[in-house]
Amino acid sequence: MNGLFSNAAARSAQRSAHASLADLTATVGVSGLAAAQQNPGFMSIIDQHAAGVRDSLNADTRPLTAILLAAYAEGVRDAALQHGWQAPEGEIDWSGDDWVLRRLLAVCSLARTLPASS
């Protein structure tokens, strides 16, 4: 019985992680990645953040997963909120220097490289 429940828990965690990343992509990724495609300098900044995320998650020694990326994004968001950061309301101005938004956008960029969920 343990195998049945642990498999169900793993599938549930995967679904939750993919849903979390989909929400993040909808709120941050779509507009941010479009802005990055229009501005090579901004894309370079996001690529640097993505490298930082990969380093933080030891992605050189273990594969990135939706669960790891979703948990990382949640941790960044939670820490930022505890330190007074406020999520923007409405359309995001990507010309600003918001480290948190850039880091979350990097997570969205990395999430696009994951295999499709089954």
N, C-alpha and C. Protein backbone atom coordinates (compact mmCIF):
# COMPACT_ATOMS: atom_id res chain seq x y z
N MET A 1 0.80 -1.20 0.00
CA MET A 1 0.00 0.00 0.00
C MET A 1 0.85 1.26 0.00
N ASN A 2 2.00 1.24 0.65
CA ASN A 2 2.82 2.44 0.67
C ASN A 2 3.16 2.93 -0.73
N GLY A 3 3.48 1.99 -1.65
CA GLY A 3 3.82 2.37 -3.01
C GLY A 3 2.70 3.12 -3.70
N LEU A 4 1.48 2.67 -3.50
CA LEU A 4 0.33 3.31 -4.12
C LEU A 4 0.19 4.74 -3.63
N PHE A 5 0.28 4.93 -2.32
CA PHE A 5 0.10 6.27 -1.77
C PHE A 5 1.29 7.17 -2.08
N SER A 6 2.50 6.63 -2.07
CA SER A 6 3.65 7.48 -2.38
C SER A 6 3.63 7.89 -3.84
N ASN A 7 3.18 7.01 -4.74
CA ASN A 7 3.04 7.39 -6.15
C ASN A 7 1.98 8.46 -6.32
N ALA A 8 0.89 8.34 -5.61
CA ALA A 8 -0.17 9.34 -5.68
C ALA A 8 0.34 10.68 -5.15
N ALA A 9 1.10 10.66 -4.07
CA ALA A 9 1.66 11.90 -3.52
C ALA A 9 2.64 12.54 -4.49
N ALA A 10 3.45 11.73 -5.14
CA ALA A 10 4.41 12.26 -6.12
C ALA A 10 3.68 12.89 -7.31
N ARG A 11 2.64 12.24 -7.79
CA ARG A 11 1.87 12.80 -8.90
C ARG A 11 1.19 14.10 -8.48
N SER A 12 0.68 14.12 -7.27
CA SER A 12 0.03 15.34 -6.77
C SER A 12 1.04 16.48 -6.65
N ALA A 13 2.23 16.18 -6.16
CA ALA A 13 3.27 17.20 -6.04
C ALA A 13 3.66 17.73 -7.42
N GLN A 14 3.76 16.83 -8.40
CA GLN A 14 4.08 17.25 -9.77
C GLN A 14 3.00 18.17 -10.33
N ARG A 15 1.75 17.77 -10.16
CA ARG A 15 0.64 18.60 -10.67
C ARG A 15 0.64 19.96 -10.00
N SER A 16 0.86 19.99 -8.70
CA SER A 16 0.89 21.25 -7.97
C SER A 16 2.03 22.15 -8.45
N ALA A 17 3.19 21.55 -8.65
CA ALA A 17 4.36 22.32 -9.11
C ALA A 17 4.11 22.88 -10.51
N HIS A 18 3.58 22.06 -11.39
CA HIS A 18 3.29 22.54 -12.75
C HIS A 18 2.24 23.65 -12.73
N ALA A 19 1.23 23.52 -11.88
CA ALA A 19 0.21 24.56 -11.76
C ALA A 19 0.81 25.86 -11.24
N SER A 20 1.69 25.75 -10.25
CA SER A 20 2.35 26.93 -9.69
C SER A 20 3.20 27.63 -10.74
N LEU A 21 3.96 26.84 -11.52
CA LEU A 21 4.78 27.42 -12.58
C LEU A 21 3.92 28.02 -13.69
N ALA A 22 2.79 27.41 -13.98
CA ALA A 22 1.87 27.97 -14.98
C ALA A 22 1.33 29.31 -14.52
N ASP A 23 0.97 29.41 -13.24
CA ASP A 23 0.49 30.69 -12.69
C ASP A 23 1.57 31.74 -12.74
N LEU A 24 2.80 31.36 -12.37
CA LEU A 24 3.93 32.30 -12.41
C LEU A 24 4.18 32.77 -13.84
N THR A 25 4.11 31.86 -14.77
CA THR A 25 4.32 32.21 -16.17
C THR A 25 3.24 33.16 -16.66
N ALA A 26 2.01 32.93 -16.24
CA ALA A 26 0.92 33.81 -16.65
C ALA A 26 1.08 35.22 -16.08
N THR A 27 1.54 35.33 -14.84
CA THR A 27 1.63 36.64 -14.21
C THR A 27 2.94 37.36 -14.47
N VAL A 28 4.01 36.62 -14.68
CA VAL A 28 5.34 37.23 -14.84
C VAL A 28 5.98 36.85 -16.18
N GLY A 29 5.90 35.58 -16.52
CA GLY A 29 6.67 35.06 -17.64
C GLY A 29 6.27 35.57 -19.00
N VAL A 30 4.98 35.63 -19.27
CA VAL A 30 4.54 36.00 -20.62
C VAL A 30 5.04 37.40 -20.97
N SER A 31 4.75 38.38 -20.14
CA SER A 31 5.17 39.75 -20.47
C SER A 31 6.68 39.92 -20.33
N GLY A 32 7.27 39.26 -19.34
CA GLY A 32 8.71 39.40 -19.14
C GLY A 32 9.52 38.77 -20.25
N LEU A 33 9.14 37.59 -20.69
CA LEU A 33 9.88 36.94 -21.77
C LEU A 33 9.68 37.69 -23.09
N ALA A 34 8.51 38.27 -23.29
CA ALA A 34 8.29 39.10 -24.48
C ALA A 34 9.19 40.33 -24.43
N ALA A 35 9.30 40.95 -23.26
CA ALA A 35 10.18 42.12 -23.11
C ALA A 35 11.64 41.73 -23.33
N ALA A 36 12.03 40.57 -22.84
CA ALA A 36 13.41 40.11 -23.00
C ALA A 36 13.73 39.82 -24.46
N GLN A 37 12.77 39.30 -25.21
CA GLN A 37 12.99 39.03 -26.63
C GLN A 37 13.19 40.32 -27.42
N GLN A 38 12.62 41.40 -26.93
CA GLN A 38 12.75 42.69 -27.60
C GLN A 38 14.01 43.45 -27.21
N ASN A 39 14.65 43.01 -26.12
CA ASN A 39 15.80 43.74 -25.58
C ASN A 39 16.92 42.76 -25.23
N PRO A 40 17.93 42.63 -26.08
CA PRO A 40 19.01 41.67 -25.82
C PRO A 40 19.74 41.91 -24.49
N GLY A 41 19.85 43.15 -24.08
CA GLY A 41 20.50 43.45 -22.80
C GLY A 41 19.69 42.89 -21.63
N PHE A 42 18.39 43.04 -21.71
CA PHE A 42 17.52 42.51 -20.67
C PHE A 42 17.55 40.98 -20.68
N MET A 43 17.58 40.40 -21.88
CA MET A 43 17.67 38.94 -22.00
C MET A 43 18.95 38.44 -21.33
N SER A 44 20.03 39.16 -21.51
CA SER A 44 21.30 38.79 -20.88
C SER A 44 21.19 38.80 -19.36
N ILE A 45 20.49 39.79 -18.83
CA ILE A 45 20.29 39.87 -17.38
C ILE A 45 19.49 38.66 -16.89
N ILE A 46 18.44 38.32 -17.63
CA ILE A 46 17.61 37.17 -17.24
C ILE A 46 18.42 35.88 -17.34
N ASP A 47 19.25 35.76 -18.37
CA ASP A 47 20.12 34.58 -18.49
C ASP A 47 21.07 34.47 -17.30
N GLN A 48 21.58 35.60 -16.84
CA GLN A 48 22.46 35.59 -15.66
C GLN A 48 21.69 35.15 -14.42
N HIS A 49 20.47 35.61 -14.29
CA HIS A 49 19.64 35.18 -13.16
C HIS A 49 19.34 33.68 -13.26
N ALA A 50 19.07 33.22 -14.48
CA ALA A 50 18.80 31.79 -14.67
C ALA A 50 20.02 30.96 -14.25
N ALA A 51 21.21 31.44 -14.58
CA ALA A 51 22.43 30.74 -14.16
C ALA A 51 22.53 30.72 -12.63
N GLY A 52 22.13 31.82 -12.00
CA GLY A 52 22.13 31.87 -10.53
C GLY A 52 21.14 30.90 -9.92
N VAL A 53 19.97 30.78 -10.53
CA VAL A 53 18.97 29.82 -10.05
C VAL A 53 19.52 28.41 -10.19
N ARG A 54 20.08 28.10 -11.35
CA ARG A 54 20.65 26.76 -11.59
C ARG A 54 21.73 26.46 -10.56
N ASP A 55 22.60 27.44 -10.28
CA ASP A 55 23.64 27.24 -9.27
C ASP A 55 23.03 26.98 -7.89
N SER A 56 22.01 27.75 -7.55
CA SER A 56 21.36 27.58 -6.24
C SER A 56 20.73 26.21 -6.08
N LEU A 57 20.27 25.66 -7.19
CA LEU A 57 19.60 24.35 -7.15
C LEU A 57 20.54 23.20 -7.50
N ASN A 58 21.83 23.49 -7.57
CA ASN A 58 22.83 22.47 -7.91
C ASN A 58 22.45 21.74 -9.19
N ALA A 59 22.01 22.48 -10.18
CA ALA A 59 21.54 21.87 -11.42
C ALA A 59 22.67 21.24 -12.23
N ASP A 60 23.92 21.49 -11.82
CA ASP A 60 25.01 20.82 -12.51
C ASP A 60 25.14 19.36 -12.07
N THR A 61 24.56 19.03 -10.92
CA THR A 61 24.67 17.66 -10.41
C THR A 61 23.33 16.92 -10.35
N ARG A 62 22.24 17.63 -10.52
CA ARG A 62 20.93 16.98 -10.55
C ARG A 62 20.03 17.74 -11.51
N PRO A 63 19.12 17.04 -12.14
CA PRO A 63 18.28 17.71 -13.14
C PRO A 63 17.28 18.67 -12.51
N LEU A 64 16.97 19.72 -13.23
CA LEU A 64 15.91 20.62 -12.80
C LEU A 64 14.57 19.91 -12.95
N THR A 65 13.70 20.15 -12.02
CA THR A 65 12.34 19.60 -12.09
C THR A 65 11.36 20.72 -11.79
N ALA A 66 10.13 20.48 -12.15
CA ALA A 66 9.07 21.46 -11.85
C ALA A 66 8.97 21.68 -10.34
N ILE A 67 9.13 20.61 -9.57
CA ILE A 67 9.03 20.74 -8.11
C ILE A 67 10.13 21.63 -7.56
N LEU A 68 11.37 21.42 -8.03
CA LEU A 68 12.48 22.26 -7.57
C LEU A 68 12.27 23.73 -7.95
N LEU A 69 11.88 23.97 -9.20
CA LEU A 69 11.69 25.35 -9.65
C LEU A 69 10.53 26.03 -8.93
N ALA A 70 9.43 25.33 -8.75
CA ALA A 70 8.28 25.92 -8.07
C ALA A 70 8.62 26.24 -6.61
N ALA A 71 9.31 25.33 -5.95
CA ALA A 71 9.70 25.57 -4.56
C ALA A 71 10.67 26.74 -4.47
N TYR A 72 11.60 26.83 -5.40
CA TYR A 72 12.55 27.95 -5.41
C TYR A 72 11.81 29.27 -5.58
N ALA A 73 10.90 29.33 -6.57
CA ALA A 73 10.14 30.56 -6.80
C ALA A 73 9.33 30.96 -5.57
N GLU A 74 8.71 29.97 -4.94
CA GLU A 74 7.94 30.26 -3.73
C GLU A 74 8.83 30.80 -2.62
N GLY A 75 10.02 30.23 -2.50
CA GLY A 75 10.96 30.71 -1.49
C GLY A 75 11.41 32.13 -1.75
N VAL A 76 11.70 32.45 -3.00
CA VAL A 76 12.10 33.81 -3.36
C VAL A 76 10.98 34.79 -3.04
N ARG A 77 9.78 34.44 -3.46
CA ARG A 77 8.61 35.30 -3.23
C ARG A 77 8.36 35.50 -1.74
N ASP A 78 8.38 34.41 -0.97
CA ASP A 78 8.12 34.51 0.47
C ASP A 78 9.16 35.36 1.17
N ALA A 79 10.45 35.14 0.85
CA ALA A 79 11.52 35.93 1.48
C ALA A 79 11.38 37.40 1.11
N ALA A 80 11.07 37.67 -0.15
CA ALA A 80 10.92 39.06 -0.59
C ALA A 80 9.77 39.75 0.13
N LEU A 81 8.64 39.05 0.24
CA LEU A 81 7.49 39.63 0.93
C LEU A 81 7.81 39.91 2.40
N GLN A 82 8.56 39.01 3.03
CA GLN A 82 8.94 39.22 4.43
C GLN A 82 9.85 40.43 4.60
N HIS A 83 10.55 40.80 3.53
CA HIS A 83 11.45 41.95 3.59
C HIS A 83 10.84 43.20 2.97
N GLY A 84 9.52 43.19 2.78
CA GLY A 84 8.83 44.40 2.36
C GLY A 84 8.59 44.55 0.87
N TRP A 85 9.00 43.59 0.07
CA TRP A 85 8.75 43.68 -1.37
C TRP A 85 7.26 43.55 -1.61
N GLN A 86 6.77 44.29 -2.58
CA GLN A 86 5.36 44.19 -2.95
C GLN A 86 5.27 43.83 -4.42
N ALA A 87 4.47 42.83 -4.71
CA ALA A 87 4.26 42.44 -6.10
C ALA A 87 3.54 43.57 -6.82
N PRO A 88 3.94 43.85 -8.04
CA PRO A 88 3.28 44.92 -8.78
C PRO A 88 1.84 44.56 -9.10
N GLU A 89 1.02 45.57 -9.16
CA GLU A 89 -0.38 45.37 -9.55
C GLU A 89 -0.51 45.81 -11.00
N GLY A 90 -1.22 45.04 -11.76
CA GLY A 90 -1.40 45.39 -13.16
C GLY A 90 -0.19 45.02 -14.00
N GLU A 91 -0.02 45.76 -15.09
CA GLU A 91 1.07 45.48 -16.03
C GLU A 91 2.43 45.76 -15.39
N ILE A 92 3.38 44.88 -15.63
CA ILE A 92 4.71 45.01 -15.05
C ILE A 92 5.57 45.90 -15.94
N ASP A 93 6.25 46.85 -15.32
CA ASP A 93 7.21 47.71 -16.03
C ASP A 93 8.57 47.02 -15.95
N TRP A 94 8.98 46.38 -17.04
CA TRP A 94 10.22 45.61 -17.05
C TRP A 94 11.46 46.48 -17.16
N SER A 95 11.29 47.80 -17.31
CA SER A 95 12.46 48.67 -17.36
C SER A 95 13.00 48.97 -15.97
N GLY A 96 12.24 48.64 -14.93
CA GLY A 96 12.69 48.85 -13.57
C GLY A 96 13.75 47.83 -13.16
N ASP A 97 14.41 48.10 -12.06
CA ASP A 97 15.48 47.22 -11.57
C ASP A 97 14.97 46.44 -10.36
N ASP A 98 14.05 45.51 -10.61
CA ASP A 98 13.44 44.72 -9.54
C ASP A 98 14.06 43.32 -9.55
N TRP A 99 14.97 43.06 -8.61
CA TRP A 99 15.68 41.78 -8.55
C TRP A 99 14.72 40.61 -8.43
N VAL A 100 13.70 40.76 -7.61
CA VAL A 100 12.75 39.67 -7.37
C VAL A 100 12.03 39.31 -8.67
N LEU A 101 11.52 40.30 -9.37
CA LEU A 101 10.82 40.01 -10.62
C LEU A 101 11.75 39.38 -11.65
N ARG A 102 12.98 39.84 -11.69
CA ARG A 102 13.95 39.27 -12.63
C ARG A 102 14.25 37.81 -12.27
N ARG A 103 14.37 37.54 -10.97
CA ARG A 103 14.65 36.16 -10.55
C ARG A 103 13.47 35.25 -10.87
N LEU A 104 12.26 35.74 -10.63
CA LEU A 104 11.07 34.95 -10.94
C LEU A 104 10.93 34.74 -12.44
N LEU A 105 11.30 35.76 -13.22
CA LEU A 105 11.27 35.61 -14.67
C LEU A 105 12.29 34.56 -15.11
N ALA A 106 13.44 34.52 -14.45
CA ALA A 106 14.44 33.50 -14.77
C ALA A 106 13.89 32.10 -14.49
N VAL A 107 13.12 31.96 -13.42
CA VAL A 107 12.47 30.66 -13.14
C VAL A 107 11.53 30.31 -14.29
N CYS A 108 10.77 31.27 -14.77
CA CYS A 108 9.87 31.01 -15.91
C CYS A 108 10.66 30.58 -17.13
N SER A 109 11.78 31.23 -17.36
CA SER A 109 12.61 30.87 -18.50
C SER A 109 13.12 29.44 -18.37
N LEU A 110 13.57 29.08 -17.19
CA LEU A 110 14.04 27.71 -16.95
C LEU A 110 12.90 26.70 -17.05
N ALA A 111 11.73 27.08 -16.60
CA ALA A 111 10.58 26.16 -16.65
C ALA A 111 10.24 25.80 -18.09
N ARG A 112 10.50 26.70 -19.02
CA ARG A 112 10.23 26.41 -20.43
C ARG A 112 11.12 25.30 -20.96
N THR A 113 12.24 25.02 -20.28
CA THR A 113 13.16 23.98 -20.74
C THR A 113 12.81 22.60 -20.20
N LEU A 114 11.85 22.54 -19.28
CA LEU A 114 11.47 21.25 -18.69
C LEU A 114 10.67 20.42 -19.70
N PRO A 115 10.78 19.09 -19.58
CA PRO A 115 9.93 18.25 -20.42
C PRO A 115 8.46 18.51 -20.09
N ALA A 116 7.61 18.35 -21.07
CA ALA A 116 6.17 18.55 -20.87
C ALA A 116 5.67 17.56 -19.83
N SER A 117 4.74 18.02 -19.00
CA SER A 117 4.16 17.13 -17.98
C SER A 117 3.27 16.11 -18.66
N SER A 118 3.22 14.93 -18.03
CA SER A 118 2.38 13.88 -18.64
C SER A 118 1.06 13.76 -17.97
